[in-house]
Amino acid sequence: MWKLLLLASISIVNAKNTFLILAPKTISPSTTLRLGVNSLNASQDLTVTARVQTQEWNNFPYEHYEQIYVDHANNTNTILGGDAGIVNVKTPQDLKSDNYFLKVQVETSSGEEYTRMYNLKYYSKYLSAFIQTDKAIYKPGSTVNIRAFAVYSDLLSYTGNMTIEIFDPNNNKLMLQKDVKDPTGVVTKSFKLSAMPILGDWKIRVTIPNSQMEEKKFEVSNYNLPRFEVTVDVPSFALVTDRDTLRAKFLQSIHLAREYLVSQRFTLRYLEIILDLVPLSNRRSS
């Protein structure tokens, strides 16, 4: 989550000439720092430069060491007087853990300058990967449909390469899709289970280069789907002599329909409803 670092009203010439800058407090590799600049009621144009820097030691050209600031990313934008704008600073993907500073320089059209520097907190994780399947449990011989995608910390889609692997419960790798990608950022794949697979928890692994690895489990089991579903419409209050409605929905393609009589008993003290399903006939209908 982005946090606000700089929230200040800075005077340029007088009390009527002010601007406001909002900046993030954190930094991660391959992300974009967005600085919001609002010149408020300032009549002068503003040239805003943002730099991501670290402090390092250097002994050139002298024989003694001195501290210098090294740029890792920077960008400049001009904001018209009385207008608002954004300064985007793209950080490199190979950004390592260090003590980073955000240096903001503002220059007005009349030549006045303002500079301020702030600490940035480094986070190595810049991508969040997600794996989805169409079901949680699969039967032998069925097809596992997979969808994988990743987003940056600013919720923009990742459209680069990723590797998708599938492992059985014995950790045998049964599928490998390397360097797959999609222009939309959402990669879809499918995997056909054999007629006699190893039952248990299988694993999907998605790996993004120079980033992270995400895993998701799904179960392979010999299970039977429910043949029908029963729902009961219950009023907000009821008497012992009342009768309610029971609906049965067949979930599989079977040519069978039956009529049922519902005998019910209400225990209002505990708000308990007991339903007994009694078939009236075994008559078949198509």
Protein backbone atom coordinates (compact mmCIF):
# COMPACT_ATOMS: atom_id res chain seq x y z
CA MET A 1 0.00 0.00 0.00
CA TRP A 2 1.29 3.45 -0.86
CA LYS A 3 1.84 5.88 1.98
CA LEU A 4 2.17 9.65 1.82
CA LEU A 5 5.61 11.00 2.62
CA LEU A 6 5.55 14.71 1.80
CA LEU A 7 2.50 16.76 2.66
CA ALA A 8 3.55 20.38 2.93
CA SER A 9 2.52 23.81 1.75
CA ILE A 10 5.72 25.56 0.70
CA SER A 11 5.93 29.29 0.15
CA ILE A 12 7.74 30.48 -2.99
CA VAL A 13 7.33 34.25 -3.04
CA ASN A 14 4.58 35.13 -0.63
CA ALA A 15 1.64 33.59 1.16
CA LYS A 16 -0.36 33.46 -2.07
CA ASN A 17 2.34 31.62 -4.03
CA THR A 18 2.32 28.06 -2.65
CA PHE A 19 2.57 24.52 -3.96
CA LEU A 20 1.86 21.06 -2.55
CA ILE A 21 3.75 17.82 -3.24
CA LEU A 22 2.59 14.32 -2.27
CA ALA A 23 5.06 11.45 -2.56
CA PRO A 24 5.22 7.75 -1.55
CA LYS A 25 7.13 6.64 1.50
CA THR A 26 8.28 3.25 0.17
CA ILE A 27 10.34 2.03 -2.77
CA SER A 28 10.54 -1.34 -4.55
CA PRO A 29 12.27 -2.67 -7.67
CA SER A 30 10.61 -2.14 -11.06
CA THR A 31 7.91 0.16 -9.72
CA THR A 32 6.92 3.74 -10.48
CA LEU A 33 7.07 6.42 -7.82
CA ARG A 34 4.33 8.94 -8.50
CA LEU A 35 4.72 12.40 -7.03
CA GLY A 36 1.57 14.50 -7.12
CA VAL A 37 2.31 18.22 -7.56
CA ASN A 38 -0.30 20.94 -7.11
CA SER A 39 0.78 24.53 -7.60
CA LEU A 40 -2.42 25.68 -5.87
CA ASN A 41 -2.70 29.45 -6.40
CA ALA A 42 0.91 29.93 -7.57
CA SER A 43 1.19 32.15 -10.63
CA GLN A 44 4.62 30.85 -11.66
CA ASP A 45 5.46 27.65 -13.51
CA LEU A 46 7.25 24.94 -11.50
CA THR A 47 9.99 22.61 -12.75
CA VAL A 48 9.96 19.60 -10.40
CA THR A 49 12.80 17.07 -10.42
CA ALA A 50 12.63 13.88 -8.33
CA ARG A 51 15.69 11.71 -7.74
CA VAL A 52 16.10 8.35 -6.00
CA GLN A 53 19.57 8.33 -4.46
CA THR A 54 21.89 6.45 -2.14
CA GLN A 55 24.87 7.77 -0.23
CA GLU A 56 28.21 6.20 -1.15
CA TRP A 57 31.88 6.72 -0.47
CA ASN A 58 34.26 7.93 -3.17
CA ASN A 59 38.00 8.73 -3.10
CA PHE A 60 38.41 10.02 -6.64
CA PRO A 61 40.24 12.19 -7.56
CA TYR A 62 41.64 12.64 -4.06
CA GLU A 63 43.30 10.15 -1.77
CA HIS A 64 40.73 10.59 0.96
CA TYR A 65 37.17 9.28 1.01
CA GLU A 66 34.14 11.52 0.74
CA GLN A 67 30.41 10.82 0.69
CA ILE A 68 28.51 11.44 -2.51
CA TYR A 69 24.91 10.87 -3.60
CA VAL A 70 24.38 8.52 -6.53
CA ASP A 71 21.25 8.62 -8.69
CA HIS A 72 19.38 5.36 -9.29
CA ALA A 73 16.36 6.93 -11.00
CA ASN A 74 15.18 10.45 -11.78
CA ASN A 75 12.66 12.40 -13.81
CA THR A 76 11.57 16.01 -14.37
CA ASN A 77 8.22 17.58 -15.18
CA THR A 78 6.99 21.15 -15.57
CA ILE A 79 3.79 22.17 -13.83
CA LEU A 80 2.01 25.27 -15.07
CA GLY A 81 1.07 27.92 -12.54
CA GLY A 82 -2.23 27.20 -10.84
CA ASP A 83 -2.29 23.70 -12.34
CA ALA A 84 -1.58 20.16 -11.07
CA GLY A 85 0.56 17.35 -12.45
CA ILE A 86 2.48 14.14 -11.74
CA VAL A 87 6.19 13.33 -11.76
CA ASN A 88 6.76 9.63 -12.50
CA VAL A 89 10.06 8.03 -11.45
CA LYS A 90 10.61 4.48 -12.72
CA THR A 91 12.89 2.40 -10.49
CA PRO A 92 15.17 -0.27 -12.05
CA GLN A 93 14.38 -3.96 -11.68
CA ASP A 94 17.80 -4.73 -10.17
CA LEU A 95 17.30 -2.29 -7.30
CA LYS A 96 19.00 -3.81 -4.24
CA SER A 97 18.30 -3.35 -0.56
CA ASP A 98 19.87 -0.10 0.63
CA ASN A 99 19.18 3.20 2.39
CA TYR A 100 17.41 5.23 -0.28
CA PHE A 101 16.58 8.90 -0.33
CA LEU A 102 14.02 10.82 -2.33
CA LYS A 103 15.40 14.19 -3.36
CA VAL A 104 12.82 16.70 -4.60
CA GLN A 105 14.01 19.87 -6.35
CA VAL A 106 11.59 22.62 -7.32
CA GLU A 107 12.56 25.57 -9.51
CA THR A 108 10.18 28.42 -10.31
CA SER A 109 10.03 30.31 -13.58
CA SER A 110 11.60 33.30 -11.79
CA GLY A 111 14.70 31.23 -10.89
CA GLU A 112 14.00 30.46 -7.24
CA GLU A 113 14.92 26.95 -6.07
CA TYR A 114 13.74 24.70 -3.30
CA THR A 115 15.27 21.31 -2.36
CA ARG A 116 14.31 18.73 0.23
CA MET A 117 15.41 15.13 0.85
CA TYR A 118 13.53 12.30 2.56
CA ASN A 119 14.23 8.69 3.53
CA LEU A 120 12.51 5.88 1.63
CA LYS A 121 11.73 2.47 3.09
CA TYR A 122 12.83 -0.41 0.84
CA TYR A 123 10.60 -3.44 0.11
CA SER A 124 12.01 -6.24 -2.03
CA LYS A 125 8.58 -7.57 -3.03
CA TYR A 126 7.22 -5.59 -5.93
CA LEU A 127 4.93 -8.20 -7.48
CA SER A 128 2.01 -10.21 -6.12
CA ALA A 129 1.24 -13.38 -8.07
CA PHE A 130 -2.13 -15.15 -8.05
CA ILE A 131 -3.17 -18.63 -9.20
CA GLN A 132 -6.76 -19.67 -9.87
CA THR A 133 -8.36 -23.00 -10.84
CA ASP A 134 -11.89 -23.66 -12.03
CA LYS A 135 -12.47 -26.20 -9.23
CA ALA A 136 -10.97 -27.19 -5.91
CA ILE A 137 -11.40 -30.96 -6.39
CA TYR A 138 -10.93 -32.93 -9.62
CA LYS A 139 -11.79 -36.49 -10.59
CA PRO A 140 -9.37 -38.73 -12.51
CA GLY A 141 -9.48 -38.02 -16.24
CA SER A 142 -10.81 -34.47 -15.84
CA THR A 143 -9.11 -31.28 -17.07
CA VAL A 144 -7.55 -28.76 -14.70
CA ASN A 145 -8.00 -25.22 -15.99
CA ILE A 146 -5.45 -22.75 -14.64
CA ARG A 147 -5.26 -18.99 -14.69
CA ALA A 148 -2.20 -17.11 -13.41
CA PHE A 149 -1.47 -13.39 -13.23
CA ALA A 150 0.53 -10.88 -11.23
CA VAL A 151 0.18 -7.22 -10.33
CA TYR A 152 2.62 -4.57 -9.18
CA SER A 153 2.21 -2.70 -5.90
CA ASP A 154 0.33 0.02 -7.79
CA LEU A 155 -2.08 -2.69 -9.11
CA LEU A 156 -0.85 -2.46 -12.71
CA SER A 157 -0.74 -5.81 -14.52
CA TYR A 158 2.52 -7.66 -15.05
CA THR A 159 2.82 -8.72 -18.71
CA GLY A 160 6.25 -10.38 -18.66
CA ASN A 161 7.28 -14.02 -18.73
CA MET A 162 6.37 -16.59 -16.10
CA THR A 163 6.93 -20.33 -15.65
CA ILE A 164 4.05 -22.67 -14.71
CA GLU A 165 4.67 -26.13 -13.23
CA ILE A 166 2.39 -28.88 -11.90
CA PHE A 167 3.51 -31.50 -9.34
CA ASP A 168 1.72 -34.62 -8.12
CA PRO A 169 1.57 -35.62 -4.40
CA ASN A 170 4.96 -37.40 -4.78
CA ASN A 171 6.51 -34.17 -6.05
CA ASN A 172 6.90 -35.49 -9.59
CA LYS A 173 6.83 -32.67 -12.14
CA LEU A 174 4.12 -33.51 -14.68
CA MET A 175 3.85 -30.18 -16.53
CA LEU A 176 6.34 -27.44 -17.37
CA GLN A 177 5.46 -24.30 -19.31
CA LYS A 178 8.45 -21.96 -19.51
CA ASP A 179 8.45 -18.25 -20.41
CA VAL A 180 4.72 -18.02 -21.06
CA LYS A 181 3.00 -14.63 -21.19
CA ASP A 182 -0.08 -12.86 -22.45
CA PRO A 183 -0.60 -9.22 -23.54
CA THR A 184 -3.44 -8.91 -21.02
CA GLY A 185 -1.24 -10.21 -18.20
CA VAL A 186 -3.55 -13.19 -17.54
CA VAL A 187 -2.04 -16.54 -18.61
CA THR A 188 -4.47 -19.45 -19.05
CA LYS A 189 -3.38 -23.09 -19.31
CA SER A 190 -5.00 -26.51 -18.97
CA PHE A 191 -3.75 -29.91 -17.82
CA LYS A 192 -5.46 -33.24 -18.54
CA LEU A 193 -5.36 -35.71 -15.67
CA SER A 194 -4.81 -39.38 -16.53
CA ALA A 195 -7.45 -42.02 -15.88
CA MET A 196 -5.46 -43.36 -12.91
CA PRO A 197 -3.55 -40.46 -11.34
CA ILE A 198 -2.08 -40.40 -7.86
CA LEU A 199 -4.83 -39.26 -5.54
CA GLY A 200 -4.19 -36.50 -3.05
CA ASP A 201 -3.03 -32.89 -3.04
CA TRP A 202 -1.43 -31.69 -6.26
CA LYS A 203 0.51 -28.45 -6.57
CA ILE A 204 0.70 -25.63 -9.12
CA ARG A 205 3.81 -23.45 -9.02
CA VAL A 206 4.19 -20.10 -10.79
CA THR A 207 7.64 -18.52 -10.94
CA ILE A 208 8.34 -14.96 -12.15
CA PRO A 209 11.96 -14.22 -13.19
CA ASN A 210 13.95 -12.16 -10.67
CA SER A 211 10.92 -11.98 -8.43
CA GLN A 212 8.92 -14.53 -6.50
CA MET A 213 7.38 -17.99 -6.57
CA GLU A 214 3.74 -18.67 -5.77
CA GLU A 215 2.09 -22.07 -5.18
CA LYS A 216 -1.49 -23.33 -5.02
CA LYS A 217 -2.83 -26.79 -4.16
CA PHE A 218 -5.78 -28.67 -5.62
CA GLU A 219 -7.15 -32.12 -4.76
CA VAL A 220 -7.55 -35.14 -7.00
CA SER A 221 -10.07 -37.59 -5.58
CA ASN A 222 -12.63 -40.24 -6.57
CA TYR A 223 -15.70 -38.44 -5.34
CA ASN A 224 -19.37 -38.59 -6.31
CA LEU A 225 -21.30 -35.48 -7.18
CA PRO A 226 -24.53 -34.91 -5.21
CA ARG A 227 -27.58 -36.22 -7.11
CA PHE A 228 -29.97 -33.52 -5.91
CA GLU A 229 -30.17 -30.47 -3.74
CA VAL A 230 -32.94 -29.69 -1.27
CA THR A 231 -33.80 -26.18 -0.12
CA VAL A 232 -36.45 -25.12 2.37
CA ASP A 233 -38.34 -21.83 2.38
CA VAL A 234 -38.90 -21.00 6.05
CA PRO A 235 -40.91 -17.99 7.19
CA SER A 236 -39.67 -15.60 9.83
CA PHE A 237 -42.13 -17.15 12.33
CA ALA A 238 -44.31 -20.28 12.26
CA LEU A 239 -46.98 -22.21 14.13
CA VAL A 240 -47.09 -25.93 14.79
CA THR A 241 -49.98 -26.29 12.35
CA ASP A 242 -48.19 -24.44 9.53
CA ARG A 243 -46.85 -26.15 6.43
CA ASP A 244 -43.88 -24.91 4.41
CA THR A 245 -42.38 -25.55 1.00
CA LEU A 246 -39.58 -27.92 0.07
CA ARG A 247 -37.88 -27.77 -3.33
CA ALA A 248 -35.68 -30.51 -4.79
CA LYS A 249 -33.27 -29.69 -7.63
CA PHE A 250 -31.64 -32.56 -9.54
CA LEU A 251 -27.99 -31.78 -10.25
CA GLN A 252 -27.29 -34.69 -12.61
CA SER A 253 -28.87 -35.80 -15.87
CA ILE A 254 -31.22 -38.49 -14.53
CA HIS A 255 -34.76 -39.10 -15.75
CA LEU A 256 -36.40 -39.44 -12.39
CA ALA A 257 -38.95 -37.33 -10.58
CA ARG A 258 -40.80 -38.10 -7.36
CA GLU A 259 -43.44 -36.45 -5.27
CA TYR A 260 -42.70 -35.99 -1.63
CA LEU A 261 -44.75 -35.25 1.45
CA VAL A 262 -43.03 -33.21 4.10
CA SER A 263 -43.86 -33.90 7.73
CA GLN A 264 -42.40 -31.18 9.87
CA ARG A 265 -41.96 -30.48 13.55
CA PHE A 266 -41.12 -27.03 14.87
CA THR A 267 -39.45 -26.48 18.23
CA LEU A 268 -39.85 -22.75 18.60
CA ARG A 269 -38.02 -22.64 21.91
CA TYR A 270 -34.75 -23.56 20.20
CA LEU A 271 -35.78 -22.34 16.73
CA GLU A 272 -35.32 -25.89 15.45
CA ILE A 273 -37.02 -27.22 12.32
CA ILE A 274 -37.05 -30.95 11.60
CA LEU A 275 -38.10 -32.15 8.14
CA ASP A 276 -38.79 -35.78 7.22
CA LEU A 277 -38.79 -36.53 3.48
CA VAL A 278 -41.34 -39.27 2.70
CA PRO A 279 -41.83 -40.49 -0.91
CA LEU A 280 -45.49 -40.76 -1.98
CA SER A 281 -44.83 -42.91 -5.04
CA ASN A 282 -42.05 -44.48 -7.04
CA ARG A 283 -43.60 -43.37 -10.29
CA ARG A 284 -41.05 -42.62 -13.04
CA SER A 285 -41.52 -39.77 -15.49
CA SER A 286 -39.35 -38.68 -18.38
